[in-house]
Amino acid sequence: QVYLVESGGGLVQPGGSLRLSCAASGLNFRLFAMAWYHQAPEKQRELVANISSNGAANYAESVKGRFTISRDNVWNRVYLQMNSLKPEDTGVYFCGTRYRARDIWGQGTQVTVSS
């Protein structure tokens, strides 16, 4: 069974930084693309960034230049470094991957950007 467990969320002031972490198990991690998604209150889940198995990254326009996705294929983790945070970045952040034709999600981690 594939498990994804996110951590690192919290309360931060506008302009601050957070680093989210997602620990993966139950799959050959290095072979799979990984992604981070953001779900703002009362809105649909949206892709923030993804990273291919060989490390190529893509970002939503709203986070380009502020967020960085990375992965560690030794420890089976994917990270999201979030800088210059804005109130609109508030929400739950989910780690996800596609495994055997199914979307797999973690439980999410809450990020609140507020003064």
C-alpha atoms as a PDB file:
ATOM      1  CA  GLN A   1       0.000   0.000   0.000  1.00  0.00           C
ATOM      2  CA  VAL A   2       1.249   3.479  -0.897  1.00  0.00           C
ATOM      3  CA  TYR A   3       1.318   6.064   1.862  1.00  0.00           C
ATOM      4  CA  LEU A   4       2.103   9.761   1.661  1.00  0.00           C
ATOM      5  CA  VAL A   5       2.511  11.748   4.860  1.00  0.00           C
ATOM      6  CA  GLU A   6       2.881  15.532   4.765  1.00  0.00           C
ATOM      7  CA  SER A   7       4.356  17.712   7.484  1.00  0.00           C
ATOM      8  CA  GLY A   8       5.762  21.182   8.008  1.00  0.00           C
ATOM      9  CA  GLY A   9       2.674  23.358   7.844  1.00  0.00           C
ATOM     10  CA  GLY A  10       1.857  26.080  10.331  1.00  0.00           C
ATOM     11  CA  LEU A  11       1.075  29.717  10.911  1.00  0.00           C
ATOM     12  CA  VAL A  12       3.383  32.241   9.296  1.00  0.00           C
ATOM     13  CA  GLN A  13       3.291  35.995   8.697  1.00  0.00           C
ATOM     14  CA  PRO A  14       3.056  37.409   5.168  1.00  0.00           C
ATOM     15  CA  GLY A  15       6.507  37.424   3.615  1.00  0.00           C
ATOM     16  CA  GLY A  16       7.610  34.475   5.711  1.00  0.00           C
ATOM     17  CA  SER A  17       8.770  31.011   4.707  1.00  0.00           C
ATOM     18  CA  LEU A  18       7.847  27.396   5.349  1.00  0.00           C
ATOM     19  CA  ARG A  19       9.246  24.105   4.154  1.00  0.00           C
ATOM     20  CA  LEU A  20       6.784  21.288   3.625  1.00  0.00           C
ATOM     21  CA  SER A  21       7.885  17.668   3.569  1.00  0.00           C
ATOM     22  CA  CYS A  22       6.171  14.568   2.231  1.00  0.00           C
ATOM     23  CA  ALA A  23       7.362  11.091   3.189  1.00  0.00           C
ATOM     24  CA  ALA A  24       6.443   8.331   0.738  1.00  0.00           C
ATOM     25  CA  SER A  25       6.334   4.583   1.306  1.00  0.00           C
ATOM     26  CA  GLY A  26       5.051   1.515  -0.497  1.00  0.00           C
ATOM     27  CA  LEU A  27       6.370   2.414  -3.932  1.00  0.00           C
ATOM     28  CA  ASN A  28       9.662   2.583  -5.807  1.00  0.00           C
ATOM     29  CA  PHE A  29       9.827   6.299  -5.145  1.00  0.00           C
ATOM     30  CA  ARG A  30      12.584   7.231  -7.567  1.00  0.00           C
ATOM     31  CA  LEU A  31      10.488   6.052 -10.524  1.00  0.00           C
ATOM     32  CA  PHE A  32       7.472   8.273  -9.846  1.00  0.00           C
ATOM     33  CA  ALA A  33       6.663  11.892 -10.489  1.00  0.00           C
ATOM     34  CA  MET A  34       5.465  13.710  -7.394  1.00  0.00           C
ATOM     35  CA  ALA A  35       3.416  16.845  -6.923  1.00  0.00           C
ATOM     36  CA  TRP A  36       2.180  19.363  -4.408  1.00  0.00           C
ATOM     37  CA  TYR A  37      -1.378  20.674  -4.486  1.00  0.00           C
ATOM     38  CA  HIS A  38      -3.060  23.549  -2.666  1.00  0.00           C
ATOM     39  CA  GLN A  39      -6.666  23.646  -1.558  1.00  0.00           C
ATOM     40  CA  ALA A  40      -7.796  27.044  -0.360  1.00  0.00           C
ATOM     41  CA  PRO A  41     -10.886  27.276   1.866  1.00  0.00           C
ATOM     42  CA  GLU A  42     -14.038  26.441  -0.115  1.00  0.00           C
ATOM     43  CA  LYS A  43     -12.083  26.040  -3.354  1.00  0.00           C
ATOM     44  CA  GLN A  44     -10.943  23.121  -5.473  1.00  0.00           C
ATOM     45  CA  ARG A  45      -7.576  21.519  -5.122  1.00  0.00           C
ATOM     46  CA  GLU A  46      -5.034  23.044  -7.532  1.00  0.00           C
ATOM     47  CA  LEU A  47      -1.611  21.952  -8.698  1.00  0.00           C
ATOM     48  CA  VAL A  48       1.200  24.027  -7.208  1.00  0.00           C
ATOM     49  CA  ALA A  49       4.277  22.211  -8.479  1.00  0.00           C
ATOM     50  CA  ASN A  50       5.371  18.851  -9.775  1.00  0.00           C
ATOM     51  CA  ILE A  51       8.685  17.119 -10.180  1.00  0.00           C
ATOM     52  CA  SER A  52       9.483  14.276 -12.531  1.00  0.00           C
ATOM     53  CA  SER A  53      11.395  11.146 -11.645  1.00  0.00           C
ATOM     54  CA  ASN A  54      14.562  12.755 -13.047  1.00  0.00           C
ATOM     55  CA  GLY A  55      14.054  16.021 -11.168  1.00  0.00           C
ATOM     56  CA  ALA A  56      12.484  18.293 -13.782  1.00  0.00           C
ATOM     57  CA  ALA A  57      10.146  20.747 -12.064  1.00  0.00           C
ATOM     58  CA  ASN A  58       7.104  22.729 -13.141  1.00  0.00           C
ATOM     59  CA  TYR A  59       5.231  25.419 -11.235  1.00  0.00           C
ATOM     60  CA  ALA A  60       1.894  27.177 -11.249  1.00  0.00           C
ATOM     61  CA  GLU A  61       2.237  30.782 -12.371  1.00  0.00           C
ATOM     62  CA  SER A  62       1.086  32.023  -8.970  1.00  0.00           C
ATOM     63  CA  VAL A  63       4.103  30.497  -7.186  1.00  0.00           C
ATOM     64  CA  LYS A  64       6.887  30.846  -9.750  1.00  0.00           C
ATOM     65  CA  GLY A  65       9.920  32.486  -8.198  1.00  0.00           C
ATOM     66  CA  ARG A  66       8.598  31.924  -4.665  1.00  0.00           C
ATOM     67  CA  PHE A  67       8.236  28.140  -4.271  1.00  0.00           C
ATOM     68  CA  THR A  68      10.736  25.390  -5.009  1.00  0.00           C
ATOM     69  CA  ILE A  69       9.943  21.694  -5.247  1.00  0.00           C
ATOM     70  CA  SER A  70      12.694  19.129  -4.696  1.00  0.00           C
ATOM     71  CA  ARG A  71      13.040  15.451  -3.993  1.00  0.00           C
ATOM     72  CA  ASP A  72      15.340  13.093  -2.122  1.00  0.00           C
ATOM     73  CA  ASN A  73      15.350   9.630  -3.671  1.00  0.00           C
ATOM     74  CA  VAL A  74      17.416   8.210  -0.811  1.00  0.00           C
ATOM     75  CA  TRP A  75      14.955   9.141   1.908  1.00  0.00           C
ATOM     76  CA  ASN A  76      11.856   8.915  -0.354  1.00  0.00           C
ATOM     77  CA  ARG A  77      10.792  12.468   0.331  1.00  0.00           C
ATOM     78  CA  VAL A  78       9.541  15.397  -1.673  1.00  0.00           C
ATOM     79  CA  TYR A  79       9.791  18.947  -0.373  1.00  0.00           C
ATOM     80  CA  LEU A  80       8.167  22.285  -1.054  1.00  0.00           C
ATOM     81  CA  GLN A  81      10.142  25.345  -0.010  1.00  0.00           C
ATOM     82  CA  MET A  82       7.730  28.258   0.183  1.00  0.00           C
ATOM     83  CA  ASN A  83       9.132  31.796   0.398  1.00  0.00           C
ATOM     84  CA  SER A  84       7.517  35.230   0.288  1.00  0.00           C
ATOM     85  CA  LEU A  85       4.247  33.726   1.452  1.00  0.00           C
ATOM     86  CA  LYS A  86       1.027  35.612   0.836  1.00  0.00           C
ATOM     87  CA  PRO A  87      -2.372  35.389   2.555  1.00  0.00           C
ATOM     88  CA  GLU A  88      -3.763  33.742  -0.584  1.00  0.00           C
ATOM     89  CA  ASP A  89      -1.338  30.856  -0.057  1.00  0.00           C
ATOM     90  CA  THR A  90      -3.417  29.852   2.959  1.00  0.00           C
ATOM     91  CA  GLY A  91      -4.972  26.417   2.766  1.00  0.00           C
ATOM     92  CA  VAL A  92      -4.236  22.734   2.969  1.00  0.00           C
ATOM     93  CA  TYR A  93      -1.269  21.424   1.007  1.00  0.00           C
ATOM     94  CA  PHE A  94      -1.361  17.873  -0.274  1.00  0.00           C
ATOM     95  CA  CYS A  95       1.355  15.676  -1.645  1.00  0.00           C
ATOM     96  CA  GLY A  96       0.259  13.444  -4.517  1.00  0.00           C
ATOM     97  CA  THR A  97       1.330  10.900  -7.069  1.00  0.00           C
ATOM     98  CA  ARG A  98      -0.233   8.612  -9.652  1.00  0.00           C
ATOM     99  CA  TYR A  99       0.222   4.944  -8.890  1.00  0.00           C
ATOM    100  CA  ARG A 100      -1.304   2.086 -10.893  1.00  0.00           C
ATOM    101  CA  ALA A 101      -3.815   4.412 -12.554  1.00  0.00           C
ATOM    102  CA  ARG A 102      -4.955   5.861  -9.228  1.00  0.00           C
ATOM    103  CA  ASP A 103      -4.323   9.257  -7.680  1.00  0.00           C
ATOM    104  CA  ILE A 104      -2.776   8.858  -4.254  1.00  0.00           C
ATOM    105  CA  TRP A 105      -2.924  11.675  -1.690  1.00  0.00           C
ATOM    106  CA  GLY A 106      -1.657  12.316   1.757  1.00  0.00           C
ATOM    107  CA  GLN A 107      -3.806  13.729   4.545  1.00  0.00           C
ATOM    108  CA  GLY A 108      -2.538  17.260   3.932  1.00  0.00           C
ATOM    109  CA  THR A 109      -0.870  19.871   6.064  1.00  0.00           C
ATOM    110  CA  GLN A 110      -2.429  23.233   6.949  1.00  0.00           C
ATOM    111  CA  VAL A 111      -0.653  26.454   6.025  1.00  0.00           C
ATOM    112  CA  THR A 112      -2.017  29.731   7.335  1.00  0.00           C
ATOM    113  CA  VAL A 113      -0.491  33.026   6.223  1.00  0.00           C
ATOM    114  CA  SER A 114      -1.730  35.816   8.421  1.00  0.00           C
ATOM    115  CA  SER A 115      -0.483  38.741  10.449  1.00  0.00           C
END
